[in-house]
Amino acid sequence: METLLQILKDLHPDVDFETCDTLVDSGILDSFDIITLIAEISSEFDVNIPAEEIIPDNFNSAEALYALIKRLSDED
């Protein structure tokens, strides 16, 4: 989780990613941020996020994103 939080903080240092659960809904993460996140996650966690998983629910919080990474890792 620490690695993911660091990736997120590199994108937006001013956001408290540990408590925010409306990252997409409130516009903190835009489409460019999500593309950047997907690339970073793929590189750092060796996980590919399929298109059908790129939905706001999976990106609205660090916790949801980490759960997605864990779920995709377990499927390998």
N, C-alpha and C. Protein backbone atom coordinates (compact mmCIF):
# COMPACT_ATOMS: atom_id res chain seq x y z
N MET A 1 0.83 -1.20 0.00
CA MET A 1 0.00 0.00 0.00
C MET A 1 0.86 1.26 0.00
N GLU A 2 2.01 1.21 0.69
CA GLU A 2 2.89 2.37 0.75
C GLU A 2 3.38 2.78 -0.65
N THR A 3 3.68 1.81 -1.47
CA THR A 3 4.13 2.10 -2.84
C THR A 3 3.04 2.81 -3.61
N LEU A 4 1.81 2.31 -3.49
CA LEU A 4 0.68 2.94 -4.18
C LEU A 4 0.47 4.36 -3.68
N LEU A 5 0.52 4.55 -2.38
CA LEU A 5 0.35 5.90 -1.83
C LEU A 5 1.43 6.84 -2.34
N GLN A 6 2.64 6.36 -2.49
CA GLN A 6 3.72 7.20 -3.01
C GLN A 6 3.46 7.58 -4.47
N ILE A 7 2.98 6.62 -5.26
CA ILE A 7 2.64 6.91 -6.66
C ILE A 7 1.57 7.99 -6.71
N LEU A 8 0.55 7.86 -5.88
CA LEU A 8 -0.54 8.85 -5.85
C LEU A 8 -0.03 10.21 -5.39
N LYS A 9 0.81 10.22 -4.35
CA LYS A 9 1.34 11.49 -3.84
C LYS A 9 2.25 12.17 -4.85
N ASP A 10 2.92 11.39 -5.68
CA ASP A 10 3.74 11.98 -6.74
C ASP A 10 2.85 12.72 -7.75
N LEU A 11 1.64 12.22 -7.96
CA LEU A 11 0.71 12.88 -8.88
C LEU A 11 0.12 14.15 -8.29
N HIS A 12 -0.30 14.06 -7.02
CA HIS A 12 -0.96 15.19 -6.34
C HIS A 12 -0.49 15.25 -4.89
N PRO A 13 0.62 15.92 -4.63
CA PRO A 13 1.20 15.96 -3.28
C PRO A 13 0.27 16.59 -2.23
N ASP A 14 -0.69 17.39 -2.67
CA ASP A 14 -1.54 18.13 -1.74
C ASP A 14 -2.78 17.35 -1.28
N VAL A 15 -2.97 16.13 -1.75
CA VAL A 15 -4.17 15.35 -1.44
C VAL A 15 -3.87 14.31 -0.37
N ASP A 16 -4.81 14.16 0.56
CA ASP A 16 -4.69 13.11 1.58
C ASP A 16 -5.32 11.83 1.04
N PHE A 17 -4.52 11.03 0.39
CA PHE A 17 -5.02 9.82 -0.26
C PHE A 17 -5.43 8.73 0.73
N GLU A 18 -5.01 8.86 1.97
CA GLU A 18 -5.37 7.85 2.96
C GLU A 18 -6.81 7.99 3.43
N THR A 19 -7.39 9.17 3.28
CA THR A 19 -8.77 9.37 3.73
C THR A 19 -9.75 9.71 2.62
N CYS A 20 -9.27 10.24 1.52
CA CYS A 20 -10.17 10.67 0.44
C CYS A 20 -10.76 9.46 -0.29
N ASP A 21 -12.09 9.45 -0.45
CA ASP A 21 -12.74 8.35 -1.16
C ASP A 21 -13.61 8.85 -2.32
N THR A 22 -13.27 10.05 -2.81
CA THR A 22 -13.97 10.61 -3.96
C THR A 22 -12.97 11.16 -4.98
N LEU A 23 -11.89 10.44 -5.20
CA LEU A 23 -10.82 10.93 -6.06
C LEU A 23 -11.30 11.23 -7.47
N VAL A 24 -12.13 10.36 -8.02
CA VAL A 24 -12.66 10.57 -9.37
C VAL A 24 -13.89 11.46 -9.31
N ASP A 25 -14.80 11.13 -8.39
CA ASP A 25 -16.07 11.86 -8.29
C ASP A 25 -15.87 13.36 -8.06
N SER A 26 -14.84 13.72 -7.29
CA SER A 26 -14.60 15.14 -7.02
C SER A 26 -13.61 15.78 -7.98
N GLY A 27 -13.14 15.01 -8.97
CA GLY A 27 -12.27 15.57 -10.00
C GLY A 27 -10.80 15.68 -9.62
N ILE A 28 -10.41 15.07 -8.51
CA ILE A 28 -9.00 15.11 -8.13
C ILE A 28 -8.17 14.35 -9.16
N LEU A 29 -8.64 13.16 -9.53
CA LEU A 29 -7.98 12.40 -10.58
C LEU A 29 -8.74 12.59 -11.89
N ASP A 30 -8.03 13.05 -12.91
CA ASP A 30 -8.64 13.18 -14.23
C ASP A 30 -8.19 12.01 -15.11
N SER A 31 -8.62 12.01 -16.34
CA SER A 31 -8.32 10.88 -17.23
C SER A 31 -6.82 10.72 -17.45
N PHE A 32 -6.08 11.82 -17.53
CA PHE A 32 -4.64 11.73 -17.70
C PHE A 32 -3.99 11.09 -16.47
N ASP A 33 -4.47 11.49 -15.28
CA ASP A 33 -3.95 10.89 -14.04
C ASP A 33 -4.20 9.39 -14.02
N ILE A 34 -5.37 8.98 -14.46
CA ILE A 34 -5.72 7.55 -14.44
C ILE A 34 -4.83 6.77 -15.40
N ILE A 35 -4.57 7.32 -16.57
CA ILE A 35 -3.68 6.66 -17.53
C ILE A 35 -2.27 6.55 -16.92
N THR A 36 -1.81 7.62 -16.29
CA THR A 36 -0.51 7.60 -15.63
C THR A 36 -0.47 6.55 -14.53
N LEU A 37 -1.54 6.51 -13.73
CA LEU A 37 -1.63 5.51 -12.65
C LEU A 37 -1.57 4.09 -13.19
N ILE A 38 -2.30 3.83 -14.25
CA ILE A 38 -2.34 2.49 -14.84
C ILE A 38 -0.93 2.08 -15.28
N ALA A 39 -0.21 3.00 -15.91
CA ALA A 39 1.15 2.70 -16.35
C ALA A 39 2.07 2.45 -15.17
N GLU A 40 1.97 3.29 -14.13
CA GLU A 40 2.81 3.13 -12.94
C GLU A 40 2.50 1.82 -12.21
N ILE A 41 1.23 1.50 -12.10
CA ILE A 41 0.81 0.26 -11.41
C ILE A 41 1.31 -0.95 -12.19
N SER A 42 1.18 -0.88 -13.50
CA SER A 42 1.65 -1.99 -14.35
C SER A 42 3.14 -2.21 -14.14
N SER A 43 3.89 -1.13 -14.10
CA SER A 43 5.34 -1.21 -13.93
C SER A 43 5.73 -1.66 -12.52
N GLU A 44 5.11 -1.07 -11.53
CA GLU A 44 5.50 -1.30 -10.14
C GLU A 44 4.99 -2.63 -9.58
N PHE A 45 3.76 -2.99 -9.94
CA PHE A 45 3.13 -4.17 -9.36
C PHE A 45 3.04 -5.35 -10.34
N ASP A 46 3.47 -5.14 -11.58
CA ASP A 46 3.40 -6.17 -12.62
C ASP A 46 1.97 -6.69 -12.78
N VAL A 47 1.04 -5.74 -12.85
CA VAL A 47 -0.39 -6.04 -12.99
C VAL A 47 -0.93 -5.24 -14.17
N ASN A 48 -1.69 -5.90 -15.02
CA ASN A 48 -2.36 -5.19 -16.12
C ASN A 48 -3.81 -4.97 -15.74
N ILE A 49 -4.25 -3.72 -15.85
CA ILE A 49 -5.64 -3.39 -15.53
C ILE A 49 -6.44 -3.39 -16.83
N PRO A 50 -7.36 -4.35 -16.98
CA PRO A 50 -8.15 -4.42 -18.21
C PRO A 50 -9.14 -3.25 -18.30
N ALA A 51 -9.54 -2.93 -19.51
CA ALA A 51 -10.42 -1.79 -19.76
C ALA A 51 -11.70 -1.84 -18.93
N GLU A 52 -12.27 -3.04 -18.76
CA GLU A 52 -13.53 -3.13 -18.02
C GLU A 52 -13.38 -2.81 -16.53
N GLU A 53 -12.14 -2.77 -16.03
CA GLU A 53 -11.89 -2.42 -14.63
C GLU A 53 -11.62 -0.92 -14.45
N ILE A 54 -11.54 -0.18 -15.54
CA ILE A 54 -11.26 1.26 -15.45
C ILE A 54 -12.60 1.99 -15.27
N ILE A 55 -13.08 1.91 -14.04
CA ILE A 55 -14.35 2.54 -13.66
C ILE A 55 -14.11 3.37 -12.41
N PRO A 56 -14.93 4.40 -12.19
CA PRO A 56 -14.71 5.28 -11.03
C PRO A 56 -14.62 4.54 -9.69
N ASP A 57 -15.43 3.52 -9.49
CA ASP A 57 -15.41 2.80 -8.21
C ASP A 57 -14.03 2.25 -7.88
N ASN A 58 -13.26 1.84 -8.89
CA ASN A 58 -11.94 1.27 -8.66
C ASN A 58 -10.86 2.33 -8.44
N PHE A 59 -11.17 3.59 -8.75
CA PHE A 59 -10.17 4.66 -8.66
C PHE A 59 -10.56 5.78 -7.70
N ASN A 60 -11.68 5.64 -6.99
CA ASN A 60 -12.15 6.70 -6.10
C ASN A 60 -11.36 6.82 -4.81
N SER A 61 -10.63 5.77 -4.45
CA SER A 61 -9.82 5.84 -3.23
C SER A 61 -8.58 4.97 -3.39
N ALA A 62 -7.58 5.27 -2.59
CA ALA A 62 -6.37 4.45 -2.61
C ALA A 62 -6.72 3.03 -2.18
N GLU A 63 -7.63 2.90 -1.23
CA GLU A 63 -8.03 1.59 -0.74
C GLU A 63 -8.68 0.76 -1.85
N ALA A 64 -9.59 1.38 -2.62
CA ALA A 64 -10.25 0.68 -3.73
C ALA A 64 -9.24 0.28 -4.79
N LEU A 65 -8.32 1.17 -5.07
CA LEU A 65 -7.30 0.89 -6.08
C LEU A 65 -6.38 -0.24 -5.62
N TYR A 66 -6.03 -0.23 -4.34
CA TYR A 66 -5.17 -1.29 -3.81
C TYR A 66 -5.91 -2.64 -3.84
N ALA A 67 -7.20 -2.61 -3.54
CA ALA A 67 -8.00 -3.84 -3.60
C ALA A 67 -8.03 -4.38 -5.02
N LEU A 68 -8.14 -3.49 -6.00
CA LEU A 68 -8.11 -3.90 -7.41
C LEU A 68 -6.77 -4.54 -7.75
N ILE A 69 -5.69 -3.93 -7.33
CA ILE A 69 -4.35 -4.47 -7.60
C ILE A 69 -4.22 -5.86 -6.99
N LYS A 70 -4.64 -6.01 -5.73
CA LYS A 70 -4.55 -7.31 -5.07
C LYS A 70 -5.40 -8.35 -5.78
N ARG A 71 -6.61 -7.97 -6.18
CA ARG A 71 -7.51 -8.90 -6.86
C ARG A 71 -6.90 -9.35 -8.19
N LEU A 72 -6.36 -8.41 -8.95
CA LEU A 72 -5.76 -8.74 -10.24
C LEU A 72 -4.48 -9.56 -10.06
N SER A 73 -3.75 -9.29 -9.00
CA SER A 73 -2.54 -10.08 -8.71
C SER A 73 -2.89 -11.52 -8.38
N ASP A 74 -3.97 -11.69 -7.65
CA ASP A 74 -4.40 -13.04 -7.26
C ASP A 74 -4.89 -13.85 -8.45
N GLU A 75 -5.36 -13.17 -9.50
CA GLU A 75 -5.88 -13.87 -10.67
C GLU A 75 -4.78 -14.44 -11.55
N ASP A 76 -3.56 -13.96 -11.37
CA ASP A 76 -2.44 -14.45 -12.20
C ASP A 76 -2.13 -15.89 -11.95
